[in-house]
N, C-alpha and C. Protein backbone atom coordinates (compact mmCIF):
# COMPACT_ATOMS: atom_id res chain seq x y z
N MET A 1 96.48 100.96 101.71
CA MET A 1 97.20 100.21 101.97
C MET A 1 98.32 99.66 100.93
N GLU A 2 99.87 99.41 101.32
CA GLU A 2 100.29 99.06 100.29
C GLU A 2 100.87 97.01 100.57
N HIS A 3 99.93 96.82 99.13
CA HIS A 3 100.60 95.53 99.06
C HIS A 3 102.42 95.11 98.11
N ARG A 4 102.65 95.57 98.40
CA ARG A 4 103.66 95.64 96.63
C ARG A 4 104.68 94.56 97.17
N ASN A 5 104.91 94.36 98.46
CA ASN A 5 105.82 92.80 98.89
C ASN A 5 105.42 91.50 99.61
N TRP A 6 104.03 91.96 99.09
CA TRP A 6 103.27 90.42 99.24
C TRP A 6 103.56 88.66 98.47
N GLU A 7 103.25 88.67 99.45
CA GLU A 7 103.42 87.10 99.03
C GLU A 7 102.68 86.32 99.31
N CYS A 8 102.31 85.32 98.61
CA CYS A 8 101.23 83.93 99.42
C CYS A 8 101.27 83.28 100.01
N PRO A 9 101.16 83.01 101.15
CA PRO A 9 101.48 82.05 102.32
C PRO A 9 101.79 80.67 101.70
N LYS A 10 100.47 80.91 100.50
CA LYS A 10 100.76 79.49 100.20
C LYS A 10 101.55 78.45 99.21
N CYS A 11 102.14 79.71 98.33
CA CYS A 11 102.37 79.07 96.99
C CYS A 11 103.59 79.45 96.58
N ASN A 12 103.42 80.84 97.32
CA ASN A 12 104.67 81.74 97.55
C ASN A 12 104.80 82.33 96.27
N SER A 13 103.74 82.75 95.39
CA SER A 13 103.63 83.46 94.93
C SER A 13 103.43 85.00 94.21
N ARG A 14 104.08 85.59 94.39
CA ARG A 14 103.89 87.25 94.36
C ARG A 14 102.68 88.60 93.51
N GLN A 15 102.34 87.73 92.48
CA GLN A 15 101.14 87.54 91.33
C GLN A 15 99.92 87.59 91.97
N PHE A 16 99.36 88.79 92.05
CA PHE A 16 97.99 88.94 92.78
C PHE A 16 96.76 89.84 92.28
N GLU A 17 95.84 89.71 92.27
CA GLU A 17 94.94 91.16 92.64
C GLU A 17 94.37 91.47 93.43
N THR A 18 93.67 92.44 93.63
CA THR A 18 92.62 93.51 95.05
C THR A 18 91.79 93.83 94.55
N ASP A 19 90.50 93.81 95.56
CA ASP A 19 88.87 93.92 95.01
C ASP A 19 88.94 94.76 96.10
N GLN A 20 87.81 95.19 96.64
CA GLN A 20 87.11 96.16 97.41
C GLN A 20 85.74 95.18 97.68
N PHE A 21 85.34 94.93 98.90
CA PHE A 21 83.56 94.87 98.93
C PHE A 21 83.62 96.03 100.11
N SER A 22 82.00 95.77 100.49
CA SER A 22 80.79 96.14 101.33
C SER A 22 79.57 95.02 101.97
N ALA A 23 80.03 96.05 103.23
CA ALA A 23 79.00 94.74 104.25
C ALA A 23 78.05 96.10 104.50
N THR A 24 77.15 94.92 105.57
CA THR A 24 76.30 96.02 106.70
C THR A 24 76.49 95.22 107.69
N GLY A 25 76.98 95.63 109.01
CA GLY A 25 76.97 96.09 110.15
C GLY A 25 76.28 95.17 111.04
N GLY A 26 74.96 95.93 111.90
CA GLY A 26 74.50 95.78 112.55
C GLY A 26 72.74 95.19 111.80
N PHE A 27 71.98 95.60 112.83
CA PHE A 27 70.81 95.35 113.02
C PHE A 27 70.39 96.37 112.02
N TRP A 28 70.83 97.73 112.54
CA TRP A 28 69.83 98.67 111.80
C TRP A 28 70.54 99.29 110.44
N THR A 29 71.55 98.79 110.37
CA THR A 29 71.89 99.07 109.10
C THR A 29 71.59 97.96 108.03
N LYS A 30 71.41 96.93 108.45
CA LYS A 30 70.64 96.11 108.00
C LYS A 30 68.83 96.24 107.01
N ILE A 31 68.72 96.67 108.35
CA ILE A 31 67.13 96.98 107.52
C ILE A 31 67.74 98.50 106.22
N PHE A 32 68.32 99.61 106.87
CA PHE A 32 68.32 100.76 106.22
C PHE A 32 68.86 100.23 105.10
N ASP A 33 69.82 98.95 104.49
CA ASP A 33 70.98 98.26 103.42
C ASP A 33 71.34 99.40 103.54
N ILE A 34 72.64 99.71 104.48
CA ILE A 34 73.85 100.72 104.83
C ILE A 34 75.07 100.24 104.73
N GLN A 35 75.83 99.60 103.91
CA GLN A 35 77.23 99.15 103.68
C GLN A 35 78.27 99.92 104.34
N SER A 36 77.98 99.20 105.93
CA SER A 36 79.30 100.10 106.43
C SER A 36 80.23 99.57 106.96
N LYS A 37 80.70 98.17 106.58
CA LYS A 37 82.04 97.72 106.29
C LYS A 37 82.22 97.73 105.07
N LYS A 38 83.60 97.82 104.66
CA LYS A 38 84.58 98.05 104.03
C LYS A 38 85.82 96.98 104.02
N PHE A 39 85.65 96.67 103.16
CA PHE A 39 86.78 95.71 103.17
C PHE A 39 87.49 95.44 101.85
N THR A 40 88.94 95.52 101.69
CA THR A 40 89.76 95.18 100.51
C THR A 40 90.67 93.37 101.01
N THR A 41 90.47 93.15 100.05
CA THR A 41 91.11 91.91 99.39
C THR A 41 92.33 91.80 98.09
N ILE A 42 93.41 90.23 98.67
CA ILE A 42 94.02 90.53 98.20
C ILE A 42 93.72 89.09 97.28
N THR A 43 93.76 88.68 96.41
CA THR A 43 93.67 87.36 95.71
C THR A 43 95.16 86.53 94.93
N CYS A 44 95.34 85.67 94.95
CA CYS A 44 96.58 85.19 95.04
C CYS A 44 96.40 84.93 92.76
N SER A 45 97.02 85.06 92.12
CA SER A 45 96.89 85.35 91.28
C SER A 45 96.59 83.05 90.26
N ARG A 46 97.76 82.64 91.45
CA ARG A 46 98.35 81.36 90.71
C ARG A 46 97.41 80.51 91.41
N CYS A 47 96.85 80.40 92.99
CA CYS A 47 95.78 79.02 93.75
C CYS A 47 95.14 79.56 94.54
N THR A 48 94.10 80.88 94.47
CA THR A 48 93.66 81.97 94.44
C THR A 48 93.44 81.81 95.62
N TYR A 49 93.94 81.63 96.25
CA TYR A 49 94.44 82.04 98.21
C TYR A 49 93.84 83.20 98.56
N THR A 50 92.99 83.95 99.40
CA THR A 50 92.14 85.14 99.58
C THR A 50 92.64 85.37 100.52
N GLU A 51 92.94 87.25 101.27
CA GLU A 51 93.39 87.72 102.29
C GLU A 51 92.16 88.75 102.60
N ILE A 52 91.41 89.31 103.66
CA ILE A 52 90.77 89.87 103.96
C ILE A 52 91.44 91.11 105.06
N TYR A 53 91.19 92.16 103.77
CA TYR A 53 91.23 93.49 105.45
C TYR A 53 90.39 94.09 105.17
N LYS A 54 90.43 94.97 106.35
CA LYS A 54 89.16 95.73 107.26
C LYS A 54 90.06 97.21 106.46
N THR A 55 88.62 98.61 105.47
CA THR A 55 89.12 99.36 105.33
C THR A 55 88.43 100.14 106.15
N LYS A 56 88.86 101.34 106.06
CA LYS A 56 88.47 102.44 107.05
C LYS A 56 87.04 102.76 106.40
N SER A 57 85.87 103.21 106.23
CA SER A 57 85.40 103.89 105.96
C SER A 57 84.64 105.01 106.12
N SER A 58 84.35 105.96 105.55
CA SER A 58 83.93 107.59 105.91
C SER A 58 82.17 108.13 105.98
N ALA A 59 82.27 108.72 106.76
CA ALA A 59 80.82 109.19 106.74
C ALA A 59 80.55 109.36 105.52
N LEU A 60 81.09 109.76 105.18
CA LEU A 60 80.15 110.54 103.99
C LEU A 60 79.51 109.71 103.08
N SER A 61 80.69 108.40 103.27
CA SER A 61 80.41 107.48 101.92
C SER A 61 78.97 106.67 102.48
N ASN A 62 79.06 106.81 103.90
CA ASN A 62 78.02 105.94 104.68
C ASN A 62 76.60 106.43 104.09
N VAL A 63 76.37 108.20 104.33
CA VAL A 63 75.47 108.59 103.81
C VAL A 63 75.57 108.94 102.27
N LEU A 64 75.78 108.96 101.63
CA LEU A 64 75.00 108.38 100.03
C LEU A 64 74.75 107.03 100.17
N ASP A 65 75.59 106.08 101.00
CA ASP A 65 75.13 104.40 100.75
C ASP A 65 73.37 104.71 101.41
N PHE A 66 72.89 105.19 101.65
CA PHE A 66 71.87 105.50 102.47
C PHE A 66 70.66 105.90 101.64
N PHE A 67 71.35 107.05 100.60
CA PHE A 67 70.53 108.01 99.24
C PHE A 67 70.05 107.23 98.61
N THR A 68 71.29 107.10 97.97
CA THR A 68 71.85 106.29 96.95
C THR A 68 70.79 104.19 96.71
N GLY A 69 71.00 103.65 98.11
CA GLY A 69 70.64 102.44 97.80
C GLY A 69 71.92 101.29 97.67
């Protein structure tokens, strides 16, 4: 994902931080604690406005999440 041209829609700052997080998707993924949804965040360094983007999750990472908890 390319963010070089990102500009905060609230304060027009071009300085930002990126991060990632995972979440469960449905009933069975919650039961087995499989993090099937992956997201990338972009947070403005000045005003902390945050945008969240869904990223593709690989089957291998889902299997590893299942076995490693």
